[in-house]
Protein backbone atom coordinates (compact mmCIF):
# COMPACT_ATOMS: atom_id res chain seq x y z
CA MET A 1 0.00 0.00 0.00
CA SER A 2 1.08 3.57 -0.59
CA ARG A 3 2.86 4.48 2.61
CA GLN A 4 1.80 8.09 3.04
CA ASN A 5 -1.93 7.89 2.37
CA GLY A 6 -3.06 5.11 4.67
CA THR A 7 -6.42 3.40 4.33
CA GLU A 8 -8.51 6.08 6.00
CA ARG A 9 -9.13 7.83 2.69
CA ALA A 10 -12.38 7.06 0.93
CA TYR A 11 -10.86 6.10 -2.43
CA ASP A 12 -7.75 4.26 -3.58
CA VAL A 13 -7.91 5.90 -7.02
CA VAL A 14 -9.87 8.86 -8.36
CA LEU A 15 -9.88 9.47 -12.12
CA PHE A 16 -10.32 13.19 -12.87
CA GLY A 17 -11.38 14.15 -16.39
CA ALA A 18 -13.17 10.83 -16.78
CA THR A 19 -15.67 12.17 -19.34
CA GLY A 20 -12.99 13.29 -21.83
CA PHE A 21 -11.80 11.05 -24.67
CA VAL A 22 -8.81 9.47 -22.93
CA GLY A 23 -10.58 9.70 -19.58
CA ARG A 24 -13.40 7.50 -20.85
CA LEU A 25 -10.94 4.92 -22.17
CA THR A 26 -9.11 4.92 -18.83
CA ALA A 27 -12.37 4.49 -16.92
CA GLU A 28 -13.36 1.60 -19.21
CA TYR A 29 -9.97 -0.03 -18.64
CA LEU A 30 -10.37 0.25 -14.87
CA ALA A 31 -13.91 -1.15 -15.05
CA ALA A 32 -12.61 -4.16 -16.97
CA HIS A 33 -9.38 -4.74 -15.04
CA ALA A 34 -9.73 -3.24 -11.56
CA PRO A 35 -8.53 -5.59 -8.82
CA GLU A 36 -11.15 -6.90 -6.45
CA GLY A 37 -11.85 -4.46 -3.67
CA LEU A 38 -10.53 -1.38 -5.49
CA ARG A 39 -12.24 1.70 -4.09
CA TRP A 40 -12.36 4.10 -7.01
CA ALA A 41 -14.39 7.01 -8.29
CA ILE A 42 -14.73 9.07 -11.45
CA ALA A 43 -14.65 12.85 -11.36
CA ALA A 44 -15.42 15.71 -13.76
CA ARG A 45 -17.28 19.00 -13.76
CA ASP A 46 -20.43 17.71 -15.56
CA THR A 47 -22.41 15.28 -13.39
CA ALA A 48 -24.80 14.41 -16.23
CA LYS A 49 -21.87 13.19 -18.34
CA LEU A 50 -20.54 11.28 -15.34
CA GLU A 51 -23.89 9.54 -14.93
CA ARG A 52 -23.91 8.53 -18.62
CA LEU A 53 -20.35 7.25 -18.29
CA ARG A 54 -21.29 5.23 -15.21
CA GLU A 55 -24.06 3.54 -17.21
CA ARG A 56 -21.48 2.60 -19.84
CA LEU A 57 -19.11 1.25 -17.18
CA ALA A 58 -21.89 -0.80 -15.60
CA SER A 59 -22.28 -2.62 -18.92
CA ILE A 60 -18.63 -3.68 -18.55
CA ASP A 61 -18.83 -4.50 -14.84
CA PRO A 62 -22.23 -4.46 -13.10
CA ASP A 63 -20.55 -3.41 -9.85
CA CYS A 64 -19.88 -0.03 -11.49
CA ALA A 65 -23.58 0.79 -11.21
CA GLN A 66 -22.73 2.05 -7.72
CA LEU A 67 -19.48 3.78 -8.71
CA PRO A 68 -19.14 7.10 -6.84
CA LEU A 69 -19.35 10.26 -8.95
CA LEU A 70 -17.42 13.33 -7.81
CA ARG A 71 -18.02 16.78 -9.18
CA ALA A 72 -14.80 18.78 -9.43
CA ASP A 73 -13.87 21.75 -11.60
CA VAL A 74 -10.49 23.30 -12.41
CA ALA A 75 -12.15 26.70 -11.89
CA ASP A 76 -13.06 25.71 -8.30
CA PRO A 77 -9.86 25.06 -6.31
CA ALA A 78 -11.84 24.02 -3.22
CA SER A 79 -13.43 21.16 -5.17
CA LEU A 80 -10.00 19.98 -6.28
CA ARG A 81 -8.63 20.09 -2.77
CA GLU A 82 -11.59 18.07 -1.49
CA LEU A 83 -11.03 15.53 -4.26
CA ALA A 84 -7.32 15.19 -3.39
CA ALA A 85 -8.02 14.91 0.33
CA HIS A 86 -10.28 11.88 -0.20
CA ALA A 87 -7.99 9.96 -2.58
CA ARG A 88 -4.83 7.94 -2.13
CA VAL A 89 -3.97 8.40 -5.83
CA VAL A 90 -5.38 10.93 -8.30
CA ALA A 91 -5.04 10.27 -12.05
CA THR A 92 -5.84 13.23 -14.27
CA THR A 93 -6.36 13.51 -18.02
CA VAL A 94 -7.37 17.18 -17.98
CA GLY A 95 -5.10 19.19 -20.26
CA PRO A 96 -3.52 21.28 -21.53
CA TYR A 97 -1.94 20.96 -18.13
CA LEU A 98 -0.29 24.35 -18.30
CA LYS A 99 -3.77 25.87 -18.48
CA TYR A 100 -5.76 23.49 -16.28
CA GLY A 101 -3.36 21.38 -14.23
CA GLU A 102 -1.65 23.28 -11.43
CA GLU A 103 -4.46 23.62 -8.86
CA LEU A 104 -5.03 19.86 -8.72
CA LEU A 105 -1.32 19.05 -8.55
CA ALA A 106 -0.84 21.64 -5.79
CA ALA A 107 -3.72 20.10 -3.83
CA CYS A 108 -2.14 16.65 -4.14
CA ALA A 109 1.28 17.93 -3.07
CA ASP A 110 -0.28 19.68 -0.07
CA THR A 111 -2.42 16.74 1.09
CA GLY A 112 0.16 13.98 0.54
CA THR A 113 -1.80 12.42 -2.32
CA ASP A 114 -0.02 10.56 -5.09
CA TYR A 115 -0.58 12.12 -8.52
CA VAL A 116 -0.25 10.79 -12.08
CA ASP A 117 -0.98 12.55 -15.36
CA LEU A 118 -0.45 12.32 -19.12
CA CYS A 119 1.49 15.55 -19.39
CA GLY A 120 4.00 15.87 -22.22
CA GLU A 121 4.42 19.62 -21.67
CA PRO A 122 8.01 20.38 -20.57
CA GLU A 123 7.13 23.87 -19.34
CA PHE A 124 4.43 22.57 -16.99
CA VAL A 125 6.65 19.82 -15.61
CA ASP A 126 9.48 22.25 -14.92
CA LEU A 127 7.20 24.84 -13.31
CA MET A 128 5.61 22.19 -11.09
CA TYR A 129 9.03 21.02 -9.94
CA VAL A 130 10.04 24.54 -8.89
CA ARG A 131 6.70 25.35 -7.22
CA HIS A 132 5.61 22.08 -5.61
CA ASP A 133 8.41 19.48 -5.39
CA ALA A 134 9.58 20.66 -1.96
CA ARG A 135 6.06 20.56 -0.50
CA ALA A 136 5.43 17.09 -1.94
CA ARG A 137 8.62 15.84 -0.32
CA GLU A 138 7.37 17.17 3.02
CA THR A 139 3.99 15.43 2.74
CA GLY A 140 5.27 12.26 1.02
CA ALA A 141 3.28 12.79 -2.19
CA ARG A 142 4.69 11.27 -5.37
CA LEU A 143 4.09 13.51 -8.39
CA VAL A 144 4.55 11.45 -11.55
CA HIS A 145 4.09 13.15 -14.91
CA ALA A 146 4.03 11.64 -18.40
CA CYS A 147 2.34 8.33 -17.53
CA GLY A 148 1.14 7.59 -21.08
CA PHE A 149 2.85 7.17 -24.44
CA ASP A 150 4.64 10.29 -23.27
CA SER A 151 6.84 8.94 -21.71
CA ILE A 152 6.44 5.43 -20.29
CA PRO A 153 7.70 3.39 -23.28
CA HIS A 154 10.79 5.59 -23.53
CA ASP A 155 11.53 5.99 -19.82
CA LEU A 156 10.88 2.38 -18.85
CA GLY A 157 12.36 1.15 -22.14
CA ALA A 158 15.66 2.92 -21.44
CA TYR A 159 15.53 1.63 -17.84
CA PHE A 160 14.89 -1.93 -19.09
CA THR A 161 17.79 -1.61 -21.55
CA VAL A 162 20.17 -0.36 -18.88
CA ARG A 163 19.25 -3.36 -16.73
CA GLN A 164 20.65 -5.63 -19.48
CA LEU A 165 24.05 -3.87 -19.45
CA PRO A 166 27.01 -4.09 -17.04
CA GLU A 167 26.98 -2.00 -13.87
CA GLY A 168 29.42 0.74 -12.94
CA VAL A 169 30.54 1.60 -16.50
CA PRO A 170 29.71 4.42 -18.94
CA LEU A 171 26.55 3.59 -20.91
CA THR A 172 24.85 4.91 -24.04
CA VAL A 173 21.27 4.22 -25.12
CA ASP A 174 19.55 5.34 -28.32
CA GLY A 175 15.77 5.06 -28.69
CA PHE A 176 14.03 4.82 -32.09
CA VAL A 177 10.27 5.42 -32.19
CA ARG A 178 7.89 4.11 -34.84
CA ALA A 179 4.13 4.44 -34.50
CA ASP A 180 0.88 4.44 -36.41
CA GLY A 181 -1.77 6.36 -34.52
CA MET A 182 -3.81 9.57 -34.35
CA PHE A 183 -4.14 12.56 -32.04
CA SER A 184 -7.21 13.32 -29.96
CA GLY A 185 -8.46 16.89 -29.72
CA GLY A 186 -6.96 17.35 -26.26
CA THR A 187 -3.53 16.09 -27.30
CA PHE A 188 -3.58 18.25 -30.44
CA GLY A 189 -4.43 21.31 -28.33
CA SER A 190 -1.59 20.57 -25.90
CA ALA A 191 0.89 20.23 -28.77
CA LEU A 192 -0.15 23.52 -30.35
CA ASN A 193 0.09 25.26 -26.99
CA GLN A 194 3.65 23.97 -26.50
CA PHE A 195 4.73 25.03 -29.99
CA SER A 196 3.57 28.59 -29.27
CA ARG A 197 5.56 28.94 -26.02
CA GLY A 198 9.21 28.44 -26.91
CA PRO A 199 10.63 31.35 -24.84
CA GLN A 200 8.49 30.50 -21.79
CA MET A 201 9.51 26.85 -22.04
CA ALA A 202 13.19 27.80 -22.13
CA ALA A 203 12.78 30.14 -19.15
CA ALA A 204 11.06 27.42 -17.09
CA ALA A 205 13.88 24.98 -17.91
CA ARG A 206 16.50 27.52 -16.77
CA ASP A 207 14.62 28.18 -13.55
CA ARG A 208 14.43 24.46 -12.83
CA GLY A 209 18.16 24.17 -13.49
CA ARG A 210 18.82 26.76 -10.77
CA HIS A 211 16.79 24.77 -8.21
CA GLU A 212 17.46 21.15 -9.09
CA PRO A 213 20.50 19.43 -7.55
CA ARG A 214 22.80 17.46 -9.85
CA PRO A 215 24.30 14.08 -8.96
CA THR A 216 27.85 14.29 -7.65
CA GLY A 217 30.51 12.20 -9.36
CA ARG A 218 28.12 11.08 -12.09
CA ARG A 219 26.85 12.50 -15.38
CA ALA A 220 23.65 11.92 -17.38
CA TYR A 221 22.75 13.89 -20.48
CA ALA A 222 20.40 13.72 -23.47
CA PRO A 223 21.73 15.77 -26.40
CA LEU A 224 19.61 16.61 -29.45
CA SER A 225 21.57 14.98 -32.27
CA ALA A 226 21.57 15.51 -36.02
CA PRO A 227 19.47 13.38 -38.37
CA ARG A 228 21.32 10.30 -39.58
CA TYR A 229 20.95 6.91 -41.14
CA ALA A 230 21.02 4.45 -38.22
CA LYS A 231 22.47 1.19 -39.53
CA GLU A 232 21.82 -0.48 -36.20
CA VAL A 233 18.05 -0.36 -36.82
CA GLY A 234 18.03 0.00 -40.62
CA ALA A 235 16.17 3.31 -40.64
CA TRP A 236 16.58 7.04 -41.00
CA ALA A 237 16.69 8.61 -37.55
CA VAL A 238 15.26 12.09 -36.94
CA PRO A 239 15.81 13.64 -33.50
CA LEU A 240 12.62 14.07 -31.50
CA PRO A 241 12.55 17.24 -29.35
CA THR A 242 9.83 15.85 -27.08
CA ILE A 243 9.76 15.58 -23.30
CA ASP A 244 10.72 11.90 -23.45
CA ALA A 245 14.49 12.42 -23.53
CA GLN A 246 14.25 14.83 -20.58
CA ILE A 247 12.36 12.22 -18.57
CA VAL A 248 14.97 9.54 -19.37
CA GLN A 249 17.74 11.95 -18.35
CA ARG A 250 16.05 12.63 -15.00
CA SER A 251 15.71 8.92 -14.31
CA ALA A 252 19.39 8.47 -15.11
CA ARG A 253 20.40 11.28 -12.78
CA ALA A 254 18.35 9.82 -9.95
CA LEU A 255 19.39 6.16 -10.26
CA GLU A 256 22.99 5.00 -9.92
CA ARG A 257 22.22 1.90 -12.00
CA TYR A 258 22.61 4.09 -15.11
CA GLY A 259 26.33 4.26 -14.38
CA PRO A 260 28.86 7.04 -13.93
CA ASP A 261 28.39 8.51 -17.42
CA PHE A 262 25.10 8.02 -19.28
CA ARG A 263 23.97 9.41 -22.63
CA TYR A 264 20.53 9.04 -24.20
CA ARG A 265 19.45 10.07 -27.70
CA HIS A 266 15.83 10.01 -28.86
CA TYR A 267 14.74 9.59 -32.50
CA ALA A 268 11.80 9.00 -34.78
CA ALA A 269 12.64 6.19 -37.19
CA ALA A 270 11.57 6.08 -40.85
CA LYS A 271 12.46 3.39 -43.34
CA ARG A 272 12.73 5.83 -46.24
CA LEU A 273 14.35 9.26 -46.36
CA PRO A 274 11.32 11.11 -47.87
CA PHE A 275 9.21 10.09 -44.87
CA ALA A 276 11.90 11.34 -42.49
CA VAL A 277 12.22 14.65 -44.34
CA GLY A 278 8.44 14.98 -44.57
CA GLY A 279 8.11 14.47 -40.82
CA VAL A 280 10.63 17.21 -40.11
CA ALA A 281 8.87 19.56 -42.55
CA ALA A 282 5.44 18.87 -41.03
CA ALA A 283 6.72 19.50 -37.51
CA GLY A 284 8.37 22.72 -38.66
CA ALA A 285 5.17 23.90 -40.35
CA ALA A 286 3.12 23.17 -37.23
CA PHE A 287 5.65 25.05 -35.10
CA ALA A 288 5.55 28.07 -37.43
CA ALA A 289 1.76 28.08 -37.61
CA ALA A 290 1.43 27.92 -33.84
CA GLN A 291 3.29 31.20 -33.47
CA LEU A 292 0.35 33.09 -35.03
CA PRO A 293 -2.77 33.25 -32.82
CA PRO A 294 -5.32 33.26 -35.72
CA THR A 295 -3.67 30.23 -37.34
CA ARG A 296 -3.37 28.48 -33.97
CA ARG A 297 -7.09 29.01 -33.32
CA TRP A 298 -7.97 27.71 -36.80
CA LEU A 299 -5.87 24.58 -36.29
CA SER A 300 -7.30 23.90 -32.82
CA ASP A 301 -10.83 24.19 -34.25
CA ARG A 302 -10.09 21.30 -36.62
CA LEU A 303 -10.19 18.80 -33.72
CA LYS A 304 -11.97 19.76 -30.53
CA PRO A 305 -11.03 18.44 -27.06
CA GLY A 306 -13.03 15.32 -26.26
CA GLU A 307 -12.78 14.05 -29.83
CA GLY A 308 -10.45 11.32 -31.04
CA PRO A 309 -9.93 8.41 -33.42
CA SER A 310 -12.58 5.75 -33.88
CA GLU A 311 -12.45 2.36 -32.22
CA GLU A 312 -11.71 0.81 -35.63
CA LYS A 313 -8.76 3.13 -36.21
CA ARG A 314 -7.42 2.53 -32.70
CA ALA A 315 -7.63 -1.24 -33.26
CA ARG A 316 -5.33 -0.91 -36.30
CA SER A 317 -2.82 1.39 -34.59
CA TRP A 318 0.49 0.28 -33.06
CA PHE A 319 3.82 1.51 -31.72
CA SER A 320 7.35 0.17 -31.43
CA VAL A 321 10.30 1.76 -29.64
CA ARG A 322 13.60 0.04 -30.30
CA PHE A 323 16.62 0.70 -28.11
CA VAL A 324 20.30 0.13 -28.74
CA GLY A 325 22.35 0.11 -25.52
CA GLU A 326 26.12 -0.15 -25.20
CA GLY A 327 28.63 -0.24 -22.38
CA GLY A 328 31.33 -2.37 -20.78
CA GLY A 329 31.98 -4.25 -24.02
CA ARG A 330 28.34 -5.32 -24.39
CA ARG A 331 25.71 -4.25 -26.91
CA VAL A 332 22.01 -5.01 -26.48
CA PHE A 333 18.95 -4.47 -28.67
CA THR A 334 15.59 -4.19 -26.90
CA GLU A 335 12.05 -3.25 -27.86
CA VAL A 336 8.91 -1.92 -26.19
CA ALA A 337 5.81 -2.44 -28.34
CA GLY A 338 2.07 -2.34 -28.13
CA GLY A 339 -1.18 -1.28 -29.78
CA ASP A 340 -2.73 2.15 -30.27
CA PRO A 341 -0.14 4.47 -28.71
CA GLY A 342 -2.08 7.64 -28.10
CA TYR A 343 -5.26 6.31 -26.58
CA GLY A 344 -5.77 2.60 -25.92
CA GLU A 345 -2.29 1.97 -24.59
CA THR A 346 -2.04 5.41 -23.00
CA ALA A 347 -5.23 4.73 -21.01
CA LYS A 348 -3.79 1.37 -19.97
CA MET A 349 -0.48 2.95 -18.89
CA LEU A 350 -2.19 5.68 -16.86
CA ALA A 351 -4.51 3.21 -15.11
CA GLU A 352 -1.72 0.75 -14.32
CA SER A 353 0.49 3.57 -13.02
CA ALA A 354 -2.26 4.65 -10.61
CA LEU A 355 -2.84 1.06 -9.46
CA CYS A 356 0.90 0.53 -9.06
CA LEU A 357 1.21 3.53 -6.74
CA ALA A 358 -1.87 2.49 -4.80
CA PHE A 359 -1.09 -1.17 -4.19
CA ASP A 360 2.49 -2.22 -4.95
CA GLU A 361 5.57 -2.36 -2.74
CA LEU A 362 7.79 0.31 -4.26
CA PRO A 363 11.03 2.12 -3.45
CA PRO A 364 10.55 4.97 -0.96
CA THR A 365 10.27 8.15 -3.03
CA SER A 366 8.47 11.48 -2.87
CA GLY A 367 8.30 14.77 -4.74
CA GLN A 368 8.39 14.97 -8.52
CA VAL A 369 9.68 11.59 -9.73
CA THR A 370 9.70 9.67 -13.01
CA THR A 371 7.99 6.36 -13.67
CA ALA A 372 11.36 4.57 -13.68
CA VAL A 373 12.32 6.06 -10.32
CA ALA A 374 8.94 5.66 -8.63
CA MET A 375 7.76 2.33 -10.08
CA GLY A 376 10.50 0.76 -12.25
CA ASP A 377 10.39 -3.04 -12.37
CA ARG A 378 6.95 -3.36 -10.85
CA LEU A 379 5.30 -1.15 -13.47
CA ILE A 380 7.10 -3.05 -16.24
CA GLU A 381 5.63 -6.27 -14.81
CA ARG A 382 2.16 -4.73 -14.74
CA LEU A 383 2.40 -3.50 -18.32
CA ARG A 384 3.68 -6.85 -19.55
CA GLU A 385 0.72 -8.55 -17.89
CA ALA A 386 -1.52 -5.99 -19.61
CA GLY A 387 -0.13 -6.85 -23.06
CA ILE A 388 2.66 -4.32 -23.67
CA SER A 389 5.86 -6.07 -24.73
CA PHE A 390 9.28 -5.44 -23.15
CA ARG A 391 11.82 -7.77 -24.74
CA VAL A 392 15.49 -8.25 -25.50
CA ALA A 393 15.72 -8.66 -29.27
CA ALA A 394 19.46 -9.44 -29.41
CA SER A 395 22.69 -8.96 -27.48
CA ARG A 396 26.39 -9.48 -27.92
């Protein structure tokens, strides 16, 4: 059991934002896979939508007919604090987190409640570290961001790869991402918001750097490399400037198992050069468009929050992250793979992260921590049992 929350709280897990697109998928996953005796509740600002969702969940598990419904609104901090005070773990899908996330996280940090989200917004993560990490350490709360496709396959995949390599030696790991999936409206809005805030993102990173201690006698870094043809995976590799590499770097700085000198590089992989070039061009165009408010509004109107790909499209979607790790004379090839990355598997990862914090014996941690630091091997076991593959493809 989570050591700081005790059993006196009404709920083991509360899912906030349950009526949104990913929230509904997460609620459905919990209804289908919740362990016996789990005390959980769904929360959102619209009780009518919650009631309709509960009817849907009851068709999956009849016990959900009595599932508690909690009304909470990001515009009402008191409702968020009450929610946090009654939960051992809060899982939230309500983004963009920079706009809607801080009040709930602050309430969790203040009440000693474990917190997990799907945030891939570097600025938000850095601001929350500066503003709330110290308080969370005082109360024992674990604040774990990026518990979906951002960034569990990459963070736990790098961790899994390091575990296959010798200890106490310099290590390098490269991750190569391939995926076939679609954005939901909420994810698309978060991405546009990030693209429009380059200077603010850089300022938040600098401020975090002034507050965050560095490991002594060890080094961990994640440089943004140039595009290249990666013979080791037979694909063109385009650097990905996402939060994933930052998360891996933080895990490496926190855990001595990554060795005295650790480097991680993060890429998108494409079999053919035109696809790699096209991906770079599309990302550049989206970045440029997001700088102009009228264009940003037009783009965000194309896919509204709460909307997402169909069940048929999600069933055809997949992801694969291949890792190449080296150190101490050994080279290892590993892979993390699964189904629909943005939604089906993301909902699964968020739900299993919340259950892991609520029920599993884990290393003693608090404050803002990564999935590898907070949950490591146990979360890998959970995800494997849930159908996400972690495997060693080859080694020498």
